[in-house]
Amino acid sequence: FSPVDKMPLVEIIKGKATSDAALAK
């Protein structure tokens, strides 16, 4: 979220092929 240096959140989005290992990372 903008501005990145100030906004505290990141939304992680899983695609259909995204592995659990990638999500954990």
PDB file of all heavy atoms in Angstrom:
ATOM      1  N   PHE A   1       0.843  -1.186   0.000  1.00  0.00           N
ATOM      2  CA  PHE A   1       0.000   0.000   0.000  1.00  0.00           C
ATOM      3  C   PHE A   1       0.884   1.243   0.000  1.00  0.00           C
ATOM      4  O   PHE A   1       1.991   1.231   0.545  1.00  0.00           O
ATOM      5  CB  PHE A   1      -0.935  -0.007   1.220  1.00  0.00           C
ATOM      6  CG  PHE A   1      -1.917  -1.145   1.194  1.00  0.00           C
ATOM      7  CD1 PHE A   1      -1.529  -2.422   1.577  1.00  0.00           C
ATOM      8  CD2 PHE A   1      -3.218  -0.956   0.751  1.00  0.00           C
ATOM      9  CE1 PHE A   1      -2.417  -3.482   1.525  1.00  0.00           C
ATOM     10  CE2 PHE A   1      -4.112  -2.018   0.694  1.00  0.00           C
ATOM     11  CZ  PHE A   1      -3.711  -3.279   1.082  1.00  0.00           C
ATOM     12  N   SER A   2       0.403   2.293  -0.609  1.00  0.00           N
ATOM     13  CA  SER A   2       1.202   3.505  -0.791  1.00  0.00           C
ATOM     14  C   SER A   2       0.894   4.556   0.280  1.00  0.00           C
ATOM     15  O   SER A   2      -0.280   4.761   0.618  1.00  0.00           O
ATOM     16  CB  SER A   2       0.920   4.091  -2.186  1.00  0.00           C
ATOM     17  OG  SER A   2       1.747   5.208  -2.428  1.00  0.00           O
ATOM     18  N   PRO A   3       1.939   5.238   0.809  1.00  0.00           N
ATOM     19  CA  PRO A   3       3.368   5.023   0.590  1.00  0.00           C
ATOM     20  C   PRO A   3       3.883   3.810   1.367  1.00  0.00           C
ATOM     21  O   PRO A   3       3.553   3.632   2.540  1.00  0.00           O
ATOM     22  CB  PRO A   3       4.003   6.319   1.101  1.00  0.00           C
ATOM     23  CG  PRO A   3       3.047   6.827   2.134  1.00  0.00           C
ATOM     24  CD  PRO A   3       1.678   6.396   1.696  1.00  0.00           C
ATOM     25  N   VAL A   4       4.686   3.007   0.701  1.00  0.00           N
ATOM     26  CA  VAL A   4       5.126   1.725   1.258  1.00  0.00           C
ATOM     27  C   VAL A   4       5.862   1.904   2.574  1.00  0.00           C
ATOM     28  O   VAL A   4       5.693   1.109   3.509  1.00  0.00           O
ATOM     29  CB  VAL A   4       6.021   0.979   0.243  1.00  0.00           C
ATOM     30  CG1 VAL A   4       6.570  -0.304   0.850  1.00  0.00           C
ATOM     31  CG2 VAL A   4       5.236   0.679  -1.026  1.00  0.00           C
ATOM     32  N   ASP A   5       6.683   2.953   2.689  1.00  0.00           N
ATOM     33  CA  ASP A   5       7.487   3.122   3.908  1.00  0.00           C
ATOM     34  C   ASP A   5       6.627   3.425   5.134  1.00  0.00           C
ATOM     35  O   ASP A   5       7.053   3.200   6.264  1.00  0.00           O
ATOM     36  CB  ASP A   5       8.527   4.222   3.721  1.00  0.00           C
ATOM     37  CG  ASP A   5       7.919   5.524   3.222  1.00  0.00           C
ATOM     38  OD1 ASP A   5       7.578   5.578   2.032  1.00  0.00           O
ATOM     39  OD2 ASP A   5       7.769   6.466   4.023  1.00  0.00           O
ATOM     40  N   LYS A   6       5.400   3.905   4.922  1.00  0.00           N
ATOM     41  CA  LYS A   6       4.526   4.264   6.045  1.00  0.00           C
ATOM     42  C   LYS A   6       3.411   3.259   6.290  1.00  0.00           C
ATOM     43  O   LYS A   6       3.005   3.037   7.428  1.00  0.00           O
ATOM     44  CB  LYS A   6       3.908   5.647   5.810  1.00  0.00           C
ATOM     45  CG  LYS A   6       4.898   6.789   5.895  1.00  0.00           C
ATOM     46  CD  LYS A   6       4.200   8.122   5.672  1.00  0.00           C
ATOM     47  CE  LYS A   6       5.202   9.281   5.734  1.00  0.00           C
ATOM     48  NZ  LYS A   6       4.544  10.575   5.456  1.00  0.00           N
ATOM     49  N   MET A   7       2.869   2.682   5.240  1.00  0.00           N
ATOM     50  CA  MET A   7       1.703   1.795   5.391  1.00  0.00           C
ATOM     51  C   MET A   7       2.130   0.457   5.989  1.00  0.00           C
ATOM     52  O   MET A   7       3.064  -0.180   5.494  1.00  0.00           O
ATOM     53  CB  MET A   7       1.002   1.598   4.056  1.00  0.00           C
ATOM     54  CG  MET A   7       0.377   2.877   3.517  1.00  0.00           C
ATOM     55  SD  MET A   7      -0.984   3.485   4.548  1.00  0.00           S
ATOM     56  CE  MET A   7      -2.313   2.430   3.972  1.00  0.00           C
ATOM     57  N   PRO A   8       1.442   0.011   7.047  1.00  0.00           N
ATOM     58  CA  PRO A   8       1.914  -1.160   7.797  1.00  0.00           C
ATOM     59  C   PRO A   8       1.481  -2.507   7.250  1.00  0.00           C
ATOM     60  O   PRO A   8       1.945  -3.538   7.718  1.00  0.00           O
ATOM     61  CB  PRO A   8       1.283  -0.936   9.182  1.00  0.00           C
ATOM     62  CG  PRO A   8      -0.003  -0.216   8.885  1.00  0.00           C
ATOM     63  CD  PRO A   8       0.297   0.670   7.702  1.00  0.00           C
ATOM     64  N   LEU A   9       0.589  -2.521   6.234  1.00  0.00           N
ATOM     65  CA  LEU A   9      -0.020  -3.776   5.798  1.00  0.00           C
ATOM     66  C   LEU A   9       0.546  -4.259   4.470  1.00  0.00           C
ATOM     67  O   LEU A   9       0.908  -3.464   3.613  1.00  0.00           O
ATOM     68  CB  LEU A   9      -1.541  -3.590   5.644  1.00  0.00           C
ATOM     69  CG  LEU A   9      -2.342  -4.866   5.382  1.00  0.00           C
ATOM     70  CD1 LEU A   9      -2.592  -5.605   6.679  1.00  0.00           C
ATOM     71  CD2 LEU A   9      -3.673  -4.543   4.707  1.00  0.00           C
ATOM     72  N   VAL A  10       0.596  -5.597   4.321  1.00  0.00           N
ATOM     73  CA  VAL A  10       0.834  -6.219   3.020  1.00  0.00           C
ATOM     74  C   VAL A  10      -0.192  -7.333   2.860  1.00  0.00           C
ATOM     75  O   VAL A  10      -0.341  -8.187   3.733  1.00  0.00           O
ATOM     76  CB  VAL A  10       2.254  -6.791   2.883  1.00  0.00           C
ATOM     77  CG1 VAL A  10       2.408  -7.512   1.543  1.00  0.00           C
ATOM     78  CG2 VAL A  10       3.299  -5.684   3.001  1.00  0.00           C
ATOM     79  N   GLU A  11      -0.907  -7.308   1.737  1.00  0.00           N
ATOM     80  CA  GLU A  11      -1.906  -8.322   1.432  1.00  0.00           C
ATOM     81  C   GLU A  11      -1.247  -9.409   0.581  1.00  0.00           C
ATOM     82  O   GLU A  11      -0.775  -9.136  -0.525  1.00  0.00           O
ATOM     83  CB  GLU A  11      -3.072  -7.671   0.673  1.00  0.00           C
ATOM     84  CG  GLU A  11      -4.235  -8.583   0.392  1.00  0.00           C
ATOM     85  CD  GLU A  11      -5.391  -7.840  -0.290  1.00  0.00           C
ATOM     86  OE1 GLU A  11      -5.139  -6.832  -0.981  1.00  0.00           O
ATOM     87  OE2 GLU A  11      -6.545  -8.277  -0.126  1.00  0.00           O
ATOM     88  N   ILE A  12      -1.181 -10.621   1.128  1.00  0.00           N
ATOM     89  CA  ILE A  12      -0.583 -11.750   0.407  1.00  0.00           C
ATOM     90  C   ILE A  12      -1.694 -12.488  -0.335  1.00  0.00           C
ATOM     91  O   ILE A  12      -2.696 -12.875   0.273  1.00  0.00           O
ATOM     92  CB  ILE A  12       0.122 -12.715   1.377  1.00  0.00           C
ATOM     93  CG1 ILE A  12       1.212 -11.983   2.176  1.00  0.00           C
ATOM     94  CG2 ILE A  12       0.720 -13.895   0.633  1.00  0.00           C
ATOM     95  CD1 ILE A  12       1.856 -12.848   3.257  1.00  0.00           C
ATOM     96  N   ILE A  13      -1.504 -12.689  -1.651  1.00  0.00           N
ATOM     97  CA  ILE A  13      -2.555 -13.315  -2.456  1.00  0.00           C
ATOM     98  C   ILE A  13      -2.074 -14.652  -3.006  1.00  0.00           C
ATOM     99  O   ILE A  13      -1.067 -14.723  -3.724  1.00  0.00           O
ATOM    100  CB  ILE A  13      -2.986 -12.402  -3.632  1.00  0.00           C
ATOM    101  CG1 ILE A  13      -3.384 -11.006  -3.122  1.00  0.00           C
ATOM    102  CG2 ILE A  13      -4.141 -13.034  -4.388  1.00  0.00           C
ATOM    103  CD1 ILE A  13      -2.316  -9.960  -3.343  1.00  0.00           C
ATOM    104  N   LYS A  14      -2.796 -15.712  -2.662  1.00  0.00           N
ATOM    105  CA  LYS A  14      -2.476 -17.052  -3.157  1.00  0.00           C
ATOM    106  C   LYS A  14      -3.147 -17.271  -4.512  1.00  0.00           C
ATOM    107  O   LYS A  14      -4.363 -17.112  -4.634  1.00  0.00           O
ATOM    108  CB  LYS A  14      -3.002 -18.123  -2.185  1.00  0.00           C
ATOM    109  CG  LYS A  14      -2.357 -18.139  -0.824  1.00  0.00           C
ATOM    110  CD  LYS A  14      -2.877 -19.310   0.004  1.00  0.00           C
ATOM    111  CE  LYS A  14      -4.339 -19.130   0.358  1.00  0.00           C
ATOM    112  NZ  LYS A  14      -4.857 -20.268   1.178  1.00  0.00           N
ATOM    113  N   GLY A  15      -2.363 -17.650  -5.497  1.00  0.00           N
ATOM    114  CA  GLY A  15      -2.939 -18.082  -6.762  1.00  0.00           C
ATOM    115  C   GLY A  15      -3.310 -19.552  -6.676  1.00  0.00           C
ATOM    116  O   GLY A  15      -2.977 -20.232  -5.698  1.00  0.00           O
ATOM    117  N   LYS A  16      -3.979 -20.065  -7.706  1.00  0.00           N
ATOM    118  CA  LYS A  16      -4.398 -21.471  -7.681  1.00  0.00           C
ATOM    119  C   LYS A  16      -3.208 -22.414  -7.625  1.00  0.00           C
ATOM    120  O   LYS A  16      -3.281 -23.502  -7.048  1.00  0.00           O
ATOM    121  CB  LYS A  16      -5.261 -21.781  -8.904  1.00  0.00           C
ATOM    122  CG  LYS A  16      -6.681 -21.243  -8.780  1.00  0.00           C
ATOM    123  CD  LYS A  16      -7.549 -21.651  -9.953  1.00  0.00           C
ATOM    124  CE  LYS A  16      -8.968 -21.083  -9.790  1.00  0.00           C
ATOM    125  NZ  LYS A  16      -9.803 -21.349 -10.980  1.00  0.00           N
ATOM    126  N   ALA A  17      -2.084 -22.004  -8.224  1.00  0.00           N
ATOM    127  CA  ALA A  17      -0.904 -22.877  -8.260  1.00  0.00           C
ATOM    128  C   ALA A  17       0.075 -22.588  -7.123  1.00  0.00           C
ATOM    129  O   ALA A  17       1.045 -23.327  -6.945  1.00  0.00           O
ATOM    130  CB  ALA A  17      -0.192 -22.719  -9.609  1.00  0.00           C
ATOM    131  N   THR A  18      -0.141 -21.533  -6.366  1.00  0.00           N
ATOM    132  CA  THR A  18       0.802 -21.150  -5.305  1.00  0.00           C
ATOM    133  C   THR A  18       0.901 -22.258  -4.254  1.00  0.00           C
ATOM    134  O   THR A  18      -0.108 -22.732  -3.731  1.00  0.00           O
ATOM    135  CB  THR A  18       0.352 -19.848  -4.604  1.00  0.00           C
ATOM    136  OG1 THR A  18       0.222 -18.810  -5.575  1.00  0.00           O
ATOM    137  CG2 THR A  18       1.359 -19.432  -3.549  1.00  0.00           C
ATOM    138  N   SER A  19       2.117 -22.664  -3.940  1.00  0.00           N
ATOM    139  CA  SER A  19       2.326 -23.724  -2.948  1.00  0.00           C
ATOM    140  C   SER A  19       2.279 -23.157  -1.530  1.00  0.00           C
ATOM    141  O   SER A  19       2.501 -21.960  -1.315  1.00  0.00           O
ATOM    142  CB  SER A  19       3.678 -24.398  -3.170  1.00  0.00           C
ATOM    143  OG  SER A  19       4.735 -23.490  -2.868  1.00  0.00           O
ATOM    144  N   ASP A  20       2.018 -24.042  -0.575  1.00  0.00           N
ATOM    145  CA  ASP A  20       2.052 -23.626   0.831  1.00  0.00           C
ATOM    146  C   ASP A  20       3.455 -23.184   1.228  1.00  0.00           C
ATOM    147  O   ASP A  20       3.626 -22.302   2.069  1.00  0.00           O
ATOM    148  CB  ASP A  20       1.587 -24.777   1.731  1.00  0.00           C
ATOM    149  CG  ASP A  20       0.073 -24.905   1.772  1.00  0.00           C
ATOM    150  OD1 ASP A  20      -0.616 -24.006   1.241  1.00  0.00           O
ATOM    151  OD2 ASP A  20      -0.424 -25.896   2.333  1.00  0.00           O
ATOM    152  N   ALA A  21       4.459 -23.798   0.628  1.00  0.00           N
ATOM    153  CA  ALA A  21       5.844 -23.408   0.933  1.00  0.00           C
ATOM    154  C   ALA A  21       6.091 -21.960   0.524  1.00  0.00           C
ATOM    155  O   ALA A  21       6.736 -21.194   1.261  1.00  0.00           O
ATOM    156  CB  ALA A  21       6.814 -24.338   0.208  1.00  0.00           C
ATOM    157  N   ALA A  22       5.569 -21.570  -0.641  1.00  0.00           N
ATOM    158  CA  ALA A  22       5.726 -20.185  -1.108  1.00  0.00           C
ATOM    159  C   ALA A  22       4.960 -19.230  -0.201  1.00  0.00           C
ATOM    160  O   ALA A  22       5.447 -18.139   0.120  1.00  0.00           O
ATOM    161  CB  ALA A  22       5.238 -20.055  -2.547  1.00  0.00           C
ATOM    162  N   LEU A  23       3.762 -19.643   0.226  1.00  0.00           N
ATOM    163  CA  LEU A  23       2.975 -18.800   1.127  1.00  0.00           C
ATOM    164  C   LEU A  23       3.704 -18.598   2.446  1.00  0.00           C
ATOM    165  O   LEU A  23       3.753 -17.482   2.975  1.00  0.00           O
ATOM    166  CB  LEU A  23       1.602 -19.429   1.370  1.00  0.00           C
ATOM    167  CG  LEU A  23       0.710 -18.741   2.411  1.00  0.00           C
ATOM    168  CD1 LEU A  23       0.482 -17.275   2.065  1.00  0.00           C
ATOM    169  CD2 LEU A  23      -0.631 -19.470   2.540  1.00  0.00           C
ATOM    170  N   ALA A  24       4.277 -19.659   2.999  1.00  0.00           N
ATOM    171  CA  ALA A  24       5.026 -19.540   4.253  1.00  0.00           C
ATOM    172  C   ALA A  24       6.209 -18.590   4.088  1.00  0.00           C
ATOM    173  O   ALA A  24       6.474 -17.754   4.962  1.00  0.00           O
ATOM    174  CB  ALA A  24       5.506 -20.921   4.704  1.00  0.00           C
ATOM    175  N   LYS A  25       6.906 -18.706   2.970  1.00  0.00           N
ATOM    176  CA  LYS A  25       8.036 -17.805   2.700  1.00  0.00           C
ATOM    177  C   LYS A  25       7.562 -16.352   2.616  1.00  0.00           C
ATOM    178  O   LYS A  25       8.184 -15.444   3.179  1.00  0.00           O
ATOM    179  CB  LYS A  25       8.715 -18.186   1.373  1.00  0.00           C
ATOM    180  CG  LYS A  25       9.731 -19.296   1.459  1.00  0.00           C
ATOM    181  CD  LYS A  25      10.419 -19.440   0.096  1.00  0.00           C
ATOM    182  CE  LYS A  25      11.552 -20.442   0.136  1.00  0.00           C
ATOM    183  NZ  LYS A  25      12.264 -20.529  -1.170  1.00  0.00           N
TER     184      LYS A  25
END
